[in-house]
Amino acid sequence: MRKRAFYLIVIFILTGAVVSISSCNKDKDTTPPVITILGDNPATACKGADYVDAGATAYDDVDGDVTSTISVVENTVNTAVVGDYYVKYRANDKSGNFVEVQRAVKVIECK
């Protein structure tokens, strides 16, 4: 009787471990956040003027509002020279998923 109880306990423990492992894998967050660029895209700036970017927001399907994780990873805007530039944003969630998007900025001659 003790031997049977021991085997049942071992089977119960192993079954619980398998269920626990498989449920961890299926619930893994693999979806990156979504960045919404605020303002115009493409944006326009006047040559010689200061360019103030309108910014962006970010939302993740698991973590919710992750706007605070947004960083500008590249900003090539040079208002001293007429041309096409961009501002690149990056946001991430707690699972390590990330997304990068960019805003186009056109520097033009203004009268």
C-alpha atoms as a PDB file:
ATOM      1  CA  MET A   1       0.000   0.000   0.000  1.00  0.00           C
ATOM      2  CA  ARG A   2       2.809   2.427   0.833  1.00  0.00           C
ATOM      3  CA  LYS A   3       4.519   1.648  -2.441  1.00  0.00           C
ATOM      4  CA  ARG A   4       1.328   2.441  -4.407  1.00  0.00           C
ATOM      5  CA  ALA A   5       0.839   5.733  -2.520  1.00  0.00           C
ATOM      6  CA  PHE A   6       4.454   6.663  -3.214  1.00  0.00           C
ATOM      7  CA  TYR A   7       4.034   6.049  -6.959  1.00  0.00           C
ATOM      8  CA  LEU A   8       0.804   8.035  -7.055  1.00  0.00           C
ATOM      9  CA  ILE A   9       2.501  10.969  -5.344  1.00  0.00           C
ATOM     10  CA  VAL A  10       5.436  10.835  -7.802  1.00  0.00           C
ATOM     11  CA  ILE A  11       3.049  10.713 -10.790  1.00  0.00           C
ATOM     12  CA  PHE A  12       1.035  13.620  -9.370  1.00  0.00           C
ATOM     13  CA  ILE A  13       4.181  15.724  -8.893  1.00  0.00           C
ATOM     14  CA  LEU A  14       5.530  14.956 -12.380  1.00  0.00           C
ATOM     15  CA  THR A  15       2.163  15.691 -13.994  1.00  0.00           C
ATOM     16  CA  GLY A  16       2.013  19.062 -12.223  1.00  0.00           C
ATOM     17  CA  ALA A  17       5.558  19.896 -13.377  1.00  0.00           C
ATOM     18  CA  VAL A  18       4.724  19.117 -17.015  1.00  0.00           C
ATOM     19  CA  VAL A  19       1.538  21.200 -16.902  1.00  0.00           C
ATOM     20  CA  SER A  20       3.425  24.062 -15.263  1.00  0.00           C
ATOM     21  CA  ILE A  21       6.202  24.023 -17.872  1.00  0.00           C
ATOM     22  CA  SER A  22       3.843  23.869 -20.841  1.00  0.00           C
ATOM     23  CA  SER A  23       1.652  26.678 -19.522  1.00  0.00           C
ATOM     24  CA  CYS A  24       4.704  28.926 -19.087  1.00  0.00           C
ATOM     25  CA  ASN A  25       5.620  28.518 -22.728  1.00  0.00           C
ATOM     26  CA  LYS A  26       2.165  29.235 -24.127  1.00  0.00           C
ATOM     27  CA  ASP A  27       1.720  32.440 -22.105  1.00  0.00           C
ATOM     28  CA  LYS A  28       5.001  34.017 -23.227  1.00  0.00           C
ATOM     29  CA  ASP A  29       4.574  37.592 -24.461  1.00  0.00           C
ATOM     30  CA  THR A  30       6.101  37.869 -27.935  1.00  0.00           C
ATOM     31  CA  THR A  31       4.150  40.858 -29.252  1.00  0.00           C
ATOM     32  CA  PRO A  32       5.994  44.204 -29.329  1.00  0.00           C
ATOM     33  CA  PRO A  33       4.327  47.465 -28.303  1.00  0.00           C
ATOM     34  CA  VAL A  34       2.720  49.803 -30.836  1.00  0.00           C
ATOM     35  CA  ILE A  35       4.062  53.349 -31.200  1.00  0.00           C
ATOM     36  CA  THR A  36       1.731  56.120 -32.309  1.00  0.00           C
ATOM     37  CA  ILE A  37       3.523  59.157 -33.694  1.00  0.00           C
ATOM     38  CA  LEU A  38       1.873  62.411 -32.593  1.00  0.00           C
ATOM     39  CA  GLY A  39       1.528  65.323 -35.003  1.00  0.00           C
ATOM     40  CA  ASP A  40       2.334  65.297 -38.695  1.00  0.00           C
ATOM     41  CA  ASN A  41       4.300  62.541 -40.343  1.00  0.00           C
ATOM     42  CA  PRO A  42       6.007  63.714 -42.409  1.00  0.00           C
ATOM     43  CA  ALA A  43       6.608  66.893 -40.461  1.00  0.00           C
ATOM     44  CA  THR A  44       7.861  70.179 -41.899  1.00  0.00           C
ATOM     45  CA  ALA A  45      10.387  72.550 -40.355  1.00  0.00           C
ATOM     46  CA  CYS A  46      11.692  75.899 -41.552  1.00  0.00           C
ATOM     47  CA  LYS A  47      15.358  76.292 -42.375  1.00  0.00           C
ATOM     48  CA  GLY A  48      17.144  78.084 -39.550  1.00  0.00           C
ATOM     49  CA  ALA A  49      14.304  77.624 -37.023  1.00  0.00           C
ATOM     50  CA  ASP A  50      14.278  75.353 -34.011  1.00  0.00           C
ATOM     51  CA  TYR A  51      12.618  71.998 -34.637  1.00  0.00           C
ATOM     52  CA  VAL A  52      10.447  70.779 -31.763  1.00  0.00           C
ATOM     53  CA  ASP A  53       9.301  67.206 -32.240  1.00  0.00           C
ATOM     54  CA  ALA A  54       5.674  66.408 -31.353  1.00  0.00           C
ATOM     55  CA  GLY A  55       6.642  63.092 -29.727  1.00  0.00           C
ATOM     56  CA  ALA A  56       4.849  59.758 -29.599  1.00  0.00           C
ATOM     57  CA  THR A  57       2.933  57.378 -27.350  1.00  0.00           C
ATOM     58  CA  ALA A  58       3.285  53.620 -26.953  1.00  0.00           C
ATOM     59  CA  TYR A  59       0.883  50.885 -25.901  1.00  0.00           C
ATOM     60  CA  ASP A  60       1.493  47.186 -25.235  1.00  0.00           C
ATOM     61  CA  ASP A  61      -1.214  44.509 -25.286  1.00  0.00           C
ATOM     62  CA  VAL A  62       0.079  43.018 -21.992  1.00  0.00           C
ATOM     63  CA  ASP A  63       1.756  45.930 -20.146  1.00  0.00           C
ATOM     64  CA  GLY A  64      -0.635  48.704 -21.213  1.00  0.00           C
ATOM     65  CA  ASP A  65       0.732  52.247 -21.538  1.00  0.00           C
ATOM     66  CA  VAL A  66       4.498  51.998 -22.078  1.00  0.00           C
ATOM     67  CA  THR A  67       4.995  55.562 -23.320  1.00  0.00           C
ATOM     68  CA  SER A  68       7.565  56.097 -20.556  1.00  0.00           C
ATOM     69  CA  THR A  69       9.853  53.557 -22.264  1.00  0.00           C
ATOM     70  CA  ILE A  70      10.060  55.544 -25.506  1.00  0.00           C
ATOM     71  CA  SER A  71      13.493  56.821 -26.379  1.00  0.00           C
ATOM     72  CA  VAL A  72      14.697  58.724 -29.411  1.00  0.00           C
ATOM     73  CA  VAL A  73      17.421  56.459 -30.756  1.00  0.00           C
ATOM     74  CA  GLU A  74      18.300  58.671 -33.703  1.00  0.00           C
ATOM     75  CA  ASN A  75      17.545  62.251 -34.725  1.00  0.00           C
ATOM     76  CA  THR A  76      19.128  63.438 -37.975  1.00  0.00           C
ATOM     77  CA  VAL A  77      17.203  66.740 -38.209  1.00  0.00           C
ATOM     78  CA  ASN A  78      19.486  69.629 -39.182  1.00  0.00           C
ATOM     79  CA  THR A  79      17.509  72.829 -39.681  1.00  0.00           C
ATOM     80  CA  ALA A  80      20.588  74.619 -41.014  1.00  0.00           C
ATOM     81  CA  VAL A  81      20.314  72.663 -44.270  1.00  0.00           C
ATOM     82  CA  VAL A  82      17.261  72.131 -46.487  1.00  0.00           C
ATOM     83  CA  GLY A  83      16.620  68.429 -46.860  1.00  0.00           C
ATOM     84  CA  ASP A  84      14.877  65.276 -45.679  1.00  0.00           C
ATOM     85  CA  TYR A  85      15.591  63.948 -42.201  1.00  0.00           C
ATOM     86  CA  TYR A  86      14.052  61.619 -39.634  1.00  0.00           C
ATOM     87  CA  VAL A  87      13.520  61.008 -35.936  1.00  0.00           C
ATOM     88  CA  LYS A  88      13.560  57.348 -34.849  1.00  0.00           C
ATOM     89  CA  TYR A  89      11.687  56.231 -31.701  1.00  0.00           C
ATOM     90  CA  ARG A  90      12.044  52.953 -29.787  1.00  0.00           C
ATOM     91  CA  ALA A  91       9.696  51.471 -27.166  1.00  0.00           C
ATOM     92  CA  ASN A  92       9.904  48.203 -25.250  1.00  0.00           C
ATOM     93  CA  ASP A  93       7.754  46.098 -22.933  1.00  0.00           C
ATOM     94  CA  LYS A  94       8.625  44.165 -19.767  1.00  0.00           C
ATOM     95  CA  SER A  95       9.164  40.959 -21.781  1.00  0.00           C
ATOM     96  CA  GLY A  96      11.936  42.560 -23.823  1.00  0.00           C
ATOM     97  CA  ASN A  97       9.915  43.010 -27.010  1.00  0.00           C
ATOM     98  CA  PHE A  98      10.650  46.274 -28.799  1.00  0.00           C
ATOM     99  CA  VAL A  99       9.610  48.287 -31.815  1.00  0.00           C
ATOM    100  CA  GLU A 100      11.211  51.157 -33.709  1.00  0.00           C
ATOM    101  CA  VAL A 101       9.377  53.657 -35.908  1.00  0.00           C
ATOM    102  CA  GLN A 102      10.421  56.901 -37.489  1.00  0.00           C
ATOM    103  CA  ARG A 103       8.984  60.269 -38.384  1.00  0.00           C
ATOM    104  CA  ALA A 104      10.110  61.935 -41.589  1.00  0.00           C
ATOM    105  CA  VAL A 105      11.011  65.622 -41.266  1.00  0.00           C
ATOM    106  CA  LYS A 106      11.395  67.883 -44.290  1.00  0.00           C
ATOM    107  CA  VAL A 107      13.387  71.080 -43.726  1.00  0.00           C
ATOM    108  CA  ILE A 108      12.289  73.739 -46.215  1.00  0.00           C
ATOM    109  CA  GLU A 109      12.932  77.426 -47.009  1.00  0.00           C
ATOM    110  CA  CYS A 110      10.231  79.528 -45.342  1.00  0.00           C
ATOM    111  CA  LYS A 111       9.377  83.107 -46.267  1.00  0.00           C
END
